[in-house]
Amino acid sequence: MRFLFFCLLIVITVARCNSGSQKHYIPKNSRTTDSSVVHNTSNKENNSEAEPVKSPAWNYADSLDVQYINPGRTQGDELVDYAETLIGIPYLYGSIDPEKGFDCSGFITNVFNHFNIAVPRSSVGFTSVEREISLKEAKRGDIILFTGTDSTKRVVGHMGIITSNADGAEFIHSTSGKAYGVTKTPLNSYYQGRFVKVIRIFN
């Protein structure tokens, strides 16, 4: 009896040991993960994705169908005051970079973008922009449109901003002519022959 009792005791003890070891058994092919490491890695990935994306240097609408330009709270006088600080910057075809130069529409783009106002990039893109006014009504900040150098082709190819209309219209623009850069020019007979229309952007 003592022998049987002793054998039974051994069996019970072994069973308990096996049961306890199973609770702590980790398969050899299992992989432990430090949750803090995962969190930190996630943060790095998120930080990488969250890095601010630089907005384009120039925000403009590039469409021939633009009909309305939203000036926000900017006033025409403010626009002209800034435009006049650019006088003397040389002419450079296709450029909107004041460090290099402007073409006529690049100059307009720079001036309006300075006030976060989106405008068409090309002069012809202003063709459908509202609202057209008479030359007599023109005032500081209005856009004046001209044909290209060939005035027989009545398509917009040049533009400027009205700076004064007290003793005849005067406008600021970037020209490839004699001044070869940003300058103010009176509406002389040459430009009168190329004149297309005036657009009122600011109230």
C-alpha atoms as a PDB file:
ATOM      1  CA  MET A   1       0.000   0.000   0.000  1.00  0.00           C
ATOM      2  CA  ARG A   2       2.796   2.330   0.893  1.00  0.00           C
ATOM      3  CA  PHE A   3       4.404   1.547  -2.459  1.00  0.00           C
ATOM      4  CA  LEU A   4       1.166   2.284  -4.374  1.00  0.00           C
ATOM      5  CA  PHE A   5       0.635   5.502  -2.406  1.00  0.00           C
ATOM      6  CA  PHE A   6       4.206   6.553  -3.150  1.00  0.00           C
ATOM      7  CA  CYS A   7       3.740   5.843  -6.898  1.00  0.00           C
ATOM      8  CA  LEU A   8       0.481   7.804  -6.970  1.00  0.00           C
ATOM      9  CA  LEU A   9       2.185  10.760  -5.266  1.00  0.00           C
ATOM     10  CA  ILE A  10       4.932  10.768  -7.889  1.00  0.00           C
ATOM     11  CA  VAL A  11       2.389  10.729 -10.748  1.00  0.00           C
ATOM     12  CA  ILE A  12       0.444  13.678  -9.258  1.00  0.00           C
ATOM     13  CA  THR A  13       3.638  15.692  -8.721  1.00  0.00           C
ATOM     14  CA  VAL A  14       4.835  15.132 -12.303  1.00  0.00           C
ATOM     15  CA  ALA A  15       1.404  16.081 -13.688  1.00  0.00           C
ATOM     16  CA  ARG A  16       1.442  19.363 -11.761  1.00  0.00           C
ATOM     17  CA  CYS A  17       4.927  20.198 -12.987  1.00  0.00           C
ATOM     18  CA  ASN A  18       3.943  19.564 -16.605  1.00  0.00           C
ATOM     19  CA  SER A  19       0.830  21.641 -16.185  1.00  0.00           C
ATOM     20  CA  GLY A  20       2.838  24.559 -14.784  1.00  0.00           C
ATOM     21  CA  SER A  21       5.448  24.384 -17.543  1.00  0.00           C
ATOM     22  CA  GLN A  22       2.778  24.491 -20.254  1.00  0.00           C
ATOM     23  CA  LYS A  23       1.566  27.840 -18.948  1.00  0.00           C
ATOM     24  CA  HIS A  24       4.985  29.370 -19.607  1.00  0.00           C
ATOM     25  CA  TYR A  25       5.873  27.537 -22.792  1.00  0.00           C
ATOM     26  CA  ILE A  26       6.891  29.752 -25.723  1.00  0.00           C
ATOM     27  CA  PRO A  27       7.407  28.066 -29.086  1.00  0.00           C
ATOM     28  CA  LYS A  28      10.892  28.456 -30.505  1.00  0.00           C
ATOM     29  CA  ASN A  29       9.617  30.081 -33.716  1.00  0.00           C
ATOM     30  CA  SER A  30       7.562  32.714 -31.900  1.00  0.00           C
ATOM     31  CA  ARG A  31       8.716  36.398 -32.055  1.00  0.00           C
ATOM     32  CA  THR A  32       8.450  38.752 -29.120  1.00  0.00           C
ATOM     33  CA  THR A  33       7.785  42.405 -29.863  1.00  0.00           C
ATOM     34  CA  ASP A  34       8.597  45.417 -27.758  1.00  0.00           C
ATOM     35  CA  SER A  35       5.509  47.579 -28.086  1.00  0.00           C
ATOM     36  CA  SER A  36       7.555  50.703 -27.375  1.00  0.00           C
ATOM     37  CA  VAL A  37       9.791  49.930 -30.334  1.00  0.00           C
ATOM     38  CA  VAL A  38       6.781  49.548 -32.592  1.00  0.00           C
ATOM     39  CA  HIS A  39       5.407  52.830 -31.272  1.00  0.00           C
ATOM     40  CA  ASN A  40       8.666  54.646 -31.865  1.00  0.00           C
ATOM     41  CA  THR A  41       9.012  53.242 -35.376  1.00  0.00           C
ATOM     42  CA  SER A  42       5.463  54.283 -36.094  1.00  0.00           C
ATOM     43  CA  ASN A  43       6.255  57.766 -34.901  1.00  0.00           C
ATOM     44  CA  LYS A  44       9.253  57.965 -37.188  1.00  0.00           C
ATOM     45  CA  GLU A  45       7.165  56.854 -40.119  1.00  0.00           C
ATOM     46  CA  ASN A  46       4.411  59.280 -39.226  1.00  0.00           C
ATOM     47  CA  ASN A  47       6.871  62.107 -38.780  1.00  0.00           C
ATOM     48  CA  SER A  48       8.304  61.349 -42.178  1.00  0.00           C
ATOM     49  CA  GLU A  49       4.872  61.414 -43.759  1.00  0.00           C
ATOM     50  CA  ALA A  50       3.836  64.461 -41.786  1.00  0.00           C
ATOM     51  CA  GLU A  51       6.688  66.624 -42.991  1.00  0.00           C
ATOM     52  CA  PRO A  52       5.123  69.776 -44.445  1.00  0.00           C
ATOM     53  CA  VAL A  53       4.840  69.719 -48.194  1.00  0.00           C
ATOM     54  CA  LYS A  54       6.113  72.949 -49.633  1.00  0.00           C
ATOM     55  CA  SER A  55       3.382  74.758 -51.521  1.00  0.00           C
ATOM     56  CA  PRO A  56       4.183  75.810 -55.017  1.00  0.00           C
ATOM     57  CA  ALA A  57       6.010  79.082 -55.203  1.00  0.00           C
ATOM     58  CA  TRP A  58       3.380  80.488 -57.531  1.00  0.00           C
ATOM     59  CA  ASN A  59      -0.289  79.884 -57.180  1.00  0.00           C
ATOM     60  CA  TYR A  60      -2.113  80.656 -60.399  1.00  0.00           C
ATOM     61  CA  ALA A  61      -5.109  79.586 -62.422  1.00  0.00           C
ATOM     62  CA  ASP A  62      -3.963  78.466 -65.849  1.00  0.00           C
ATOM     63  CA  SER A  63      -7.099  78.395 -67.929  1.00  0.00           C
ATOM     64  CA  LEU A  64      -8.485  80.340 -70.857  1.00  0.00           C
ATOM     65  CA  ASP A  65     -11.932  80.036 -69.285  1.00  0.00           C
ATOM     66  CA  VAL A  66     -11.240  82.049 -66.136  1.00  0.00           C
ATOM     67  CA  GLN A  67     -14.062  84.543 -65.689  1.00  0.00           C
ATOM     68  CA  TYR A  68     -13.621  85.762 -62.148  1.00  0.00           C
ATOM     69  CA  ILE A  69     -10.586  86.665 -60.047  1.00  0.00           C
ATOM     70  CA  ASN A  70     -11.153  86.879 -56.299  1.00  0.00           C
ATOM     71  CA  PRO A  71      -9.097  89.768 -54.876  1.00  0.00           C
ATOM     72  CA  GLY A  72     -10.074  89.050 -51.282  1.00  0.00           C
ATOM     73  CA  ARG A  73      -9.549  92.157 -49.157  1.00  0.00           C
ATOM     74  CA  THR A  74      -6.714  93.537 -51.248  1.00  0.00           C
ATOM     75  CA  GLN A  75      -7.220  97.002 -52.698  1.00  0.00           C
ATOM     76  CA  GLY A  76      -6.014  98.266 -56.060  1.00  0.00           C
ATOM     77  CA  ASP A  77      -3.752 100.887 -54.465  1.00  0.00           C
ATOM     78  CA  GLU A  78      -1.972  98.212 -52.419  1.00  0.00           C
ATOM     79  CA  LEU A  79      -1.378  96.178 -55.545  1.00  0.00           C
ATOM     80  CA  VAL A  80       0.075  99.110 -57.473  1.00  0.00           C
ATOM     81  CA  ASP A  81       2.256 100.176 -54.548  1.00  0.00           C
ATOM     82  CA  TYR A  82       3.852  96.737 -54.517  1.00  0.00           C
ATOM     83  CA  ALA A  83       4.110  96.571 -58.315  1.00  0.00           C
ATOM     84  CA  GLU A  84       6.055  99.835 -58.338  1.00  0.00           C
ATOM     85  CA  THR A  85       8.704  98.341 -56.037  1.00  0.00           C
ATOM     86  CA  LEU A  86       9.576  95.967 -58.892  1.00  0.00           C
ATOM     87  CA  ILE A  87      10.461  98.713 -61.381  1.00  0.00           C
ATOM     88  CA  GLY A  88      13.834  98.012 -62.948  1.00  0.00           C
ATOM     89  CA  ILE A  89      13.667  94.213 -62.809  1.00  0.00           C
ATOM     90  CA  PRO A  90      14.752  93.030 -66.275  1.00  0.00           C
ATOM     91  CA  TYR A  91      12.599  91.345 -68.873  1.00  0.00           C
ATOM     92  CA  LEU A  92      12.934  87.573 -69.136  1.00  0.00           C
ATOM     93  CA  TYR A  93      10.618  85.516 -71.299  1.00  0.00           C
ATOM     94  CA  GLY A  94       8.656  82.842 -69.455  1.00  0.00           C
ATOM     95  CA  SER A  95       9.854  83.909 -66.004  1.00  0.00           C
ATOM     96  CA  ILE A  96       7.963  84.805 -62.828  1.00  0.00           C
ATOM     97  CA  ASP A  97      11.097  84.926 -60.679  1.00  0.00           C
ATOM     98  CA  PRO A  98      12.010  88.452 -59.504  1.00  0.00           C
ATOM     99  CA  GLU A  99      15.602  87.293 -58.974  1.00  0.00           C
ATOM    100  CA  LYS A 100      15.885  86.632 -62.714  1.00  0.00           C
ATOM    101  CA  GLY A 101      13.263  88.756 -64.446  1.00  0.00           C
ATOM    102  CA  PHE A 102       9.683  88.768 -65.729  1.00  0.00           C
ATOM    103  CA  ASP A 103       7.805  88.549 -68.938  1.00  0.00           C
ATOM    104  CA  CYS A 104       4.596  90.598 -69.041  1.00  0.00           C
ATOM    105  CA  SER A 105       2.296  87.957 -67.555  1.00  0.00           C
ATOM    106  CA  GLY A 106       5.014  86.735 -65.179  1.00  0.00           C
ATOM    107  CA  PHE A 107       5.107  90.222 -63.715  1.00  0.00           C
ATOM    108  CA  ILE A 108       1.324  90.241 -63.260  1.00  0.00           C
ATOM    109  CA  THR A 109       1.446  86.768 -61.708  1.00  0.00           C
ATOM    110  CA  ASN A 110       4.113  87.819 -59.229  1.00  0.00           C
ATOM    111  CA  VAL A 111       2.261  90.966 -58.199  1.00  0.00           C
ATOM    112  CA  PHE A 112      -1.077  89.245 -57.651  1.00  0.00           C
ATOM    113  CA  ASN A 113       0.450  86.166 -56.017  1.00  0.00           C
ATOM    114  CA  HIS A 114       2.169  88.478 -53.546  1.00  0.00           C
ATOM    115  CA  PHE A 115      -1.336  89.066 -52.169  1.00  0.00           C
ATOM    116  CA  ASN A 116      -2.335  85.400 -52.550  1.00  0.00           C
ATOM    117  CA  ILE A 117      -4.568  86.171 -55.506  1.00  0.00           C
ATOM    118  CA  ALA A 118      -4.656  83.464 -58.171  1.00  0.00           C
ATOM    119  CA  VAL A 119      -4.621  84.696 -61.757  1.00  0.00           C
ATOM    120  CA  PRO A 120      -4.130  83.153 -65.203  1.00  0.00           C
ATOM    121  CA  ARG A 121      -0.453  82.693 -66.037  1.00  0.00           C
ATOM    122  CA  SER A 122      -0.726  83.929 -69.613  1.00  0.00           C
ATOM    123  CA  SER A 123      -1.990  87.286 -70.849  1.00  0.00           C
ATOM    124  CA  VAL A 124      -4.465  85.614 -73.205  1.00  0.00           C
ATOM    125  CA  GLY A 125      -5.892  83.854 -70.146  1.00  0.00           C
ATOM    126  CA  PHE A 126      -7.350  87.209 -69.059  1.00  0.00           C
ATOM    127  CA  THR A 127      -9.468  87.480 -72.204  1.00  0.00           C
ATOM    128  CA  SER A 128     -12.683  86.278 -70.555  1.00  0.00           C
ATOM    129  CA  VAL A 129     -12.114  87.736 -67.103  1.00  0.00           C
ATOM    130  CA  GLU A 130     -14.920  89.990 -65.879  1.00  0.00           C
ATOM    131  CA  ARG A 131     -15.608  92.815 -65.653  1.00  0.00           C
ATOM    132  CA  GLU A 132     -14.711  94.936 -68.645  1.00  0.00           C
ATOM    133  CA  ILE A 133     -14.902  98.706 -68.186  1.00  0.00           C
ATOM    134  CA  SER A 134     -14.274 101.667 -70.446  1.00  0.00           C
ATOM    135  CA  LEU A 135     -10.824 103.210 -70.636  1.00  0.00           C
ATOM    136  CA  LYS A 136     -12.245 106.454 -69.240  1.00  0.00           C
ATOM    137  CA  GLU A 137     -13.320 104.634 -66.074  1.00  0.00           C
ATOM    138  CA  ALA A 138      -9.925 102.998 -65.539  1.00  0.00           C
ATOM    139  CA  LYS A 139      -8.240 103.504 -62.164  1.00  0.00           C
ATOM    140  CA  ARG A 140      -5.252 102.230 -60.189  1.00  0.00           C
ATOM    141  CA  GLY A 141      -5.189  98.459 -60.002  1.00  0.00           C
ATOM    142  CA  ASP A 142      -7.221  97.785 -63.152  1.00  0.00           C
ATOM    143  CA  ILE A 143      -5.743  95.407 -65.714  1.00  0.00           C
ATOM    144  CA  ILE A 144      -5.118  96.744 -69.216  1.00  0.00           C
ATOM    145  CA  LEU A 145      -4.868  94.282 -72.115  1.00  0.00           C
ATOM    146  CA  PHE A 146      -3.149  94.696 -75.469  1.00  0.00           C
ATOM    147  CA  THR A 147      -2.536  92.651 -78.572  1.00  0.00           C
ATOM    148  CA  GLY A 148       0.909  91.263 -79.236  1.00  0.00           C
ATOM    149  CA  THR A 149       3.364  93.350 -81.246  1.00  0.00           C
ATOM    150  CA  ASP A 150       1.352  92.542 -84.372  1.00  0.00           C
ATOM    151  CA  SER A 151      -1.737  94.639 -83.734  1.00  0.00           C
ATOM    152  CA  THR A 152      -3.497  93.232 -86.826  1.00  0.00           C
ATOM    153  CA  LYS A 153      -4.002  90.039 -84.814  1.00  0.00           C
ATOM    154  CA  ARG A 154      -6.621  91.055 -82.288  1.00  0.00           C
ATOM    155  CA  VAL A 155      -5.621  88.464 -79.718  1.00  0.00           C
ATOM    156  CA  VAL A 156      -4.394  89.442 -76.261  1.00  0.00           C
ATOM    157  CA  GLY A 157      -0.622  89.189 -76.119  1.00  0.00           C
ATOM    158  CA  HIS A 158       0.476  91.810 -73.601  1.00  0.00           C
ATOM    159  CA  MET A 159      -0.801  93.338 -70.375  1.00  0.00           C
ATOM    160  CA  GLY A 160      -0.149  95.770 -67.565  1.00  0.00           C
ATOM    161  CA  ILE A 161      -1.674  97.374 -64.487  1.00  0.00           C
ATOM    162  CA  ILE A 162      -3.138 100.868 -64.548  1.00  0.00           C
ATOM    163  CA  THR A 163      -1.177 103.172 -62.216  1.00  0.00           C
ATOM    164  CA  SER A 164      -2.899 106.453 -63.041  1.00  0.00           C
ATOM    165  CA  ASN A 165      -5.623 107.877 -65.246  1.00  0.00           C
ATOM    166  CA  ALA A 166      -5.518 111.534 -64.253  1.00  0.00           C
ATOM    167  CA  ASP A 167      -3.865 113.020 -67.348  1.00  0.00           C
ATOM    168  CA  GLY A 168      -4.235 110.057 -69.659  1.00  0.00           C
ATOM    169  CA  ALA A 169      -3.791 106.435 -68.711  1.00  0.00           C
ATOM    170  CA  GLU A 170      -0.445 105.210 -67.460  1.00  0.00           C
ATOM    171  CA  PHE A 171       0.337 101.575 -66.737  1.00  0.00           C
ATOM    172  CA  ILE A 172       3.118  99.458 -65.266  1.00  0.00           C
ATOM    173  CA  HIS A 173       4.274  96.361 -67.130  1.00  0.00           C
ATOM    174  CA  SER A 174       7.286  94.248 -68.020  1.00  0.00           C
ATOM    175  CA  THR A 175       8.254  95.022 -71.582  1.00  0.00           C
ATOM    176  CA  SER A 176      10.651  93.490 -74.062  1.00  0.00           C
ATOM    177  CA  GLY A 177      10.903  96.898 -75.743  1.00  0.00           C
ATOM    178  CA  LYS A 178      13.400  99.699 -75.143  1.00  0.00           C
ATOM    179  CA  ALA A 179      13.033  99.719 -71.340  1.00  0.00           C
ATOM    180  CA  TYR A 180      13.465  95.924 -71.359  1.00  0.00           C
ATOM    181  CA  GLY A 181      12.000  95.299 -67.950  1.00  0.00           C
ATOM    182  CA  VAL A 182       9.430  96.552 -65.476  1.00  0.00           C
ATOM    183  CA  THR A 183       8.575 100.162 -66.193  1.00  0.00           C
ATOM    184  CA  LYS A 184       5.699 102.645 -66.260  1.00  0.00           C
ATOM    185  CA  THR A 185       4.479 103.748 -69.681  1.00  0.00           C
ATOM    186  CA  PRO A 186       1.857 106.266 -70.806  1.00  0.00           C
ATOM    187  CA  LEU A 187      -0.858 104.994 -73.116  1.00  0.00           C
ATOM    188  CA  ASN A 188       0.764 106.558 -76.185  1.00  0.00           C
ATOM    189  CA  SER A 189      -0.297 106.161 -79.801  1.00  0.00           C
ATOM    190  CA  TYR A 190       1.677 102.930 -80.159  1.00  0.00           C
ATOM    191  CA  TYR A 191      -0.115 101.236 -77.287  1.00  0.00           C
ATOM    192  CA  GLN A 192      -3.419 102.796 -78.252  1.00  0.00           C
ATOM    193  CA  GLY A 193      -3.136 100.902 -81.516  1.00  0.00           C
ATOM    194  CA  ARG A 194      -2.655  97.669 -79.575  1.00  0.00           C
ATOM    195  CA  PHE A 195      -5.270  98.408 -76.916  1.00  0.00           C
ATOM    196  CA  VAL A 196      -7.890  95.684 -76.374  1.00  0.00           C
ATOM    197  CA  LYS A 197      -9.721  96.496 -73.129  1.00  0.00           C
ATOM    198  CA  VAL A 198      -9.538  97.281 -69.411  1.00  0.00           C
ATOM    199  CA  ILE A 199     -10.647  94.852 -66.709  1.00  0.00           C
ATOM    200  CA  ARG A 200     -11.801  95.850 -63.219  1.00  0.00           C
ATOM    201  CA  ILE A 201     -10.603  93.364 -60.597  1.00  0.00           C
ATOM    202  CA  PHE A 202     -10.969  95.496 -57.474  1.00  0.00           C
ATOM    203  CA  ASN A 203     -14.091  97.315 -56.402  1.00  0.00           C
END
